[in-house]
Amino acid sequence: MKPTIQKFSDAQIMNLLNGLSLYANQNNLSNKELAGKLNIPYKTLIGWKVFSKSQTPNIPSTKSIDMIMEFLTKVKPVNVDTINEALRRTGKIKYILLLLEDELRWFRDKTAEERKIFRKELNISDIGYISSLITMLTDEDKFQRWLALTNTKFQYFGREKG
């Protein structure tokens, strides 16, 4: 039996599936609706990596990959590098939020004296800016309005303490 040559690398396949998932999220599509748009059975879609909850998800066939590429190109050209960078940075932010919550929990559980030091050392405007930015990034319409209206910039670390 002749070995089959894989047309796409695992990384390319994952990028494509992540792009498809991103498209579905941006358009508020359920997996069933996405399967309908792709004209494939729902069970096929939820069997693929990214969409599967299975311990052993499937990799789409070459024919399916070609179909996904064609679909994504029609609906919106996909920049795989941008998708990868967005996913990488989102992962970093998740990690930072986990660290932040751990540090803030320490202050939550301490006395007013420790929280006084916290307030003295941090710039309240920067805290507000970061908090509102994180909140606004969760909704594109809110983000665009916030972006147009805000004139605050994160500046604490750019200053020398005297």
Protein backbone atom coordinates (compact mmCIF):
# COMPACT_ATOMS: atom_id res chain seq x y z
CA MET A 1 0.00 0.00 0.00
CA LYS A 2 1.36 3.38 -1.01
CA PRO A 3 1.70 5.92 1.87
CA THR A 4 -0.42 9.01 1.48
CA ILE A 5 1.32 12.36 1.44
CA GLN A 6 -0.32 14.88 3.72
CA LYS A 7 -1.04 18.04 1.75
CA PHE A 8 -1.27 20.25 4.88
CA SER A 9 0.81 20.33 8.05
CA ASP A 10 -0.85 19.85 11.43
CA ALA A 11 -0.14 23.53 12.19
CA GLN A 12 -1.84 24.64 8.96
CA ILE A 13 -4.87 22.48 9.74
CA MET A 14 -5.12 23.88 13.28
CA ASN A 15 -4.78 27.44 11.97
CA LEU A 16 -7.57 26.81 9.50
CA LEU A 17 -9.84 25.28 12.15
CA ASN A 18 -9.06 28.14 14.51
CA GLY A 19 -9.93 30.57 11.72
CA LEU A 20 -13.22 28.78 11.18
CA SER A 21 -13.95 28.89 14.92
CA LEU A 22 -13.07 32.59 15.01
CA TYR A 23 -15.43 33.23 12.10
CA ALA A 24 -18.23 31.40 13.94
CA ASN A 25 -17.58 33.36 17.14
CA GLN A 26 -17.45 36.72 15.35
CA ASN A 27 -20.76 35.94 13.64
CA ASN A 28 -22.42 34.40 16.72
CA LEU A 29 -22.93 31.09 14.94
CA SER A 30 -23.63 27.87 16.79
CA ASN A 31 -21.82 24.76 15.62
CA LYS A 32 -25.05 23.61 13.95
CA GLU A 33 -25.37 26.91 12.09
CA LEU A 34 -21.71 26.77 11.06
CA ALA A 35 -22.12 23.22 9.77
CA GLY A 36 -25.12 24.43 7.74
CA LYS A 37 -23.10 27.28 6.24
CA LEU A 38 -20.34 24.82 5.34
CA ASN A 39 -22.94 22.38 3.98
CA ILE A 40 -21.54 19.52 6.04
CA PRO A 41 -23.16 17.28 8.65
CA TYR A 42 -23.12 18.68 12.19
CA LYS A 43 -21.55 15.43 13.47
CA THR A 44 -18.66 15.91 11.05
CA LEU A 45 -17.95 19.41 12.34
CA ILE A 46 -18.06 18.48 16.03
CA GLY A 47 -15.72 15.60 15.37
CA TRP A 48 -12.90 17.94 14.26
CA LYS A 49 -10.22 19.36 16.51
CA VAL A 50 -11.21 22.76 17.95
CA PHE A 51 -14.92 21.81 17.76
CA SER A 52 -14.70 18.40 19.44
CA LYS A 53 -14.95 17.57 23.10
CA SER A 54 -13.57 14.10 22.35
CA GLN A 55 -10.21 12.94 23.64
CA THR A 56 -9.38 11.84 20.09
CA PRO A 57 -10.76 14.45 17.69
CA ASN A 58 -10.58 13.95 13.95
CA ILE A 59 -8.55 15.88 11.43
CA PRO A 60 -10.57 17.05 8.43
CA SER A 61 -9.95 15.29 5.15
CA THR A 62 -8.00 17.09 2.43
CA LYS A 63 -11.30 17.66 0.61
CA SER A 64 -12.81 19.21 3.75
CA ILE A 65 -9.73 21.38 4.27
CA ASP A 66 -9.98 22.67 0.71
CA MET A 67 -13.68 23.38 1.28
CA ILE A 68 -12.93 25.28 4.56
CA MET A 69 -10.24 27.34 2.84
CA GLU A 70 -12.59 28.22 0.00
CA PHE A 71 -15.38 29.11 2.44
CA LEU A 72 -13.18 31.33 4.61
CA THR A 73 -11.72 33.07 1.57
CA LYS A 74 -15.23 33.89 0.34
CA VAL A 75 -16.57 35.18 3.66
CA LYS A 76 -13.45 37.03 4.68
CA PRO A 77 -9.86 36.53 3.74
CA VAL A 78 -8.14 34.79 6.63
CA ASN A 79 -4.73 35.93 7.73
CA VAL A 80 -3.44 32.84 9.51
CA ASP A 81 -0.53 34.75 11.05
CA THR A 82 -2.94 37.27 12.58
CA ILE A 83 -5.14 34.49 13.96
CA ASN A 84 -2.11 32.78 15.49
CA GLU A 85 -0.89 36.02 17.03
CA ALA A 86 -4.36 36.77 18.46
CA LEU A 87 -4.53 33.27 19.96
CA ARG A 88 -1.00 33.55 21.39
CA ARG A 89 -1.71 36.94 22.95
CA THR A 90 -5.07 35.78 24.31
CA GLY A 91 -3.27 32.90 26.00
CA LYS A 92 -0.80 35.31 27.55
CA ILE A 93 -3.62 37.52 28.82
CA LYS A 94 -5.35 34.50 30.37
CA TYR A 95 -2.13 33.68 32.21
CA ILE A 96 -1.66 37.30 33.33
CA LEU A 97 -5.25 37.45 34.58
CA LEU A 98 -4.67 34.28 36.59
CA LEU A 99 -1.55 35.83 38.15
CA LEU A 100 -3.36 39.12 38.75
CA GLU A 101 -6.26 37.40 40.49
CA ASP A 102 -3.82 35.54 42.73
CA GLU A 103 -2.02 38.76 43.72
CA LEU A 104 -5.26 40.69 44.23
CA ARG A 105 -6.66 37.87 46.36
CA TRP A 106 -3.69 38.38 48.71
CA PHE A 107 -4.68 42.02 49.20
CA ARG A 108 -8.34 41.07 49.55
CA ASP A 109 -7.53 38.75 52.43
CA LYS A 110 -5.17 41.15 54.24
CA THR A 111 -5.78 44.20 56.39
CA ALA A 112 -6.66 47.77 55.51
CA GLU A 113 -2.98 48.67 56.08
CA GLU A 114 -1.77 46.41 53.25
CA ARG A 115 -4.53 47.71 50.97
CA LYS A 116 -3.44 51.27 51.82
CA ILE A 117 0.04 50.43 50.47
CA PHE A 118 -1.58 48.99 47.35
CA ARG A 119 -3.55 52.22 46.78
CA LYS A 120 -0.50 54.40 47.41
CA GLU A 121 1.75 52.51 45.02
CA LEU A 122 -0.65 52.15 42.09
CA ASN A 123 -2.10 54.83 39.84
CA ILE A 124 -5.90 54.68 40.06
CA SER A 125 -6.23 56.07 36.52
CA ASP A 126 -4.14 53.20 35.17
CA ILE A 127 -6.24 50.67 37.07
CA GLY A 128 -9.41 52.23 35.61
CA TYR A 129 -7.94 52.27 32.11
CA ILE A 130 -6.91 48.60 32.19
CA SER A 131 -10.21 47.56 33.78
CA SER A 132 -12.31 49.40 31.20
CA LEU A 133 -10.14 48.20 28.30
CA ILE A 134 -10.56 44.56 29.32
CA THR A 135 -14.32 45.06 29.70
CA MET A 136 -14.72 46.87 26.37
CA LEU A 137 -12.70 44.27 24.44
CA THR A 138 -15.46 41.75 25.15
CA ASP A 139 -17.91 43.57 22.83
CA GLU A 140 -16.84 45.16 19.54
CA ASP A 141 -19.55 47.86 19.47
CA LYS A 142 -18.79 48.94 23.04
CA PHE A 143 -15.07 48.83 22.25
CA GLN A 144 -15.39 51.10 19.22
CA ARG A 145 -17.43 53.66 21.23
CA TRP A 146 -14.96 53.46 24.13
CA LEU A 147 -12.03 53.88 21.76
CA ALA A 148 -13.58 56.98 20.21
CA LEU A 149 -14.38 58.55 23.59
CA THR A 150 -11.39 57.69 25.75
CA ASN A 151 -8.37 59.91 25.91
CA THR A 152 -6.71 58.13 28.83
CA LYS A 153 -3.53 56.18 28.20
CA PHE A 154 -1.73 53.72 30.44
CA GLN A 155 1.23 55.66 31.75
CA TYR A 156 2.31 54.47 35.19
CA PHE A 157 5.38 52.48 34.17
CA GLY A 158 6.61 55.31 31.95
CA ARG A 159 7.18 57.56 34.94
CA GLU A 160 10.09 57.52 37.32
CA LYS A 161 9.13 57.48 40.96
CA GLY A 162 10.73 60.29 42.92
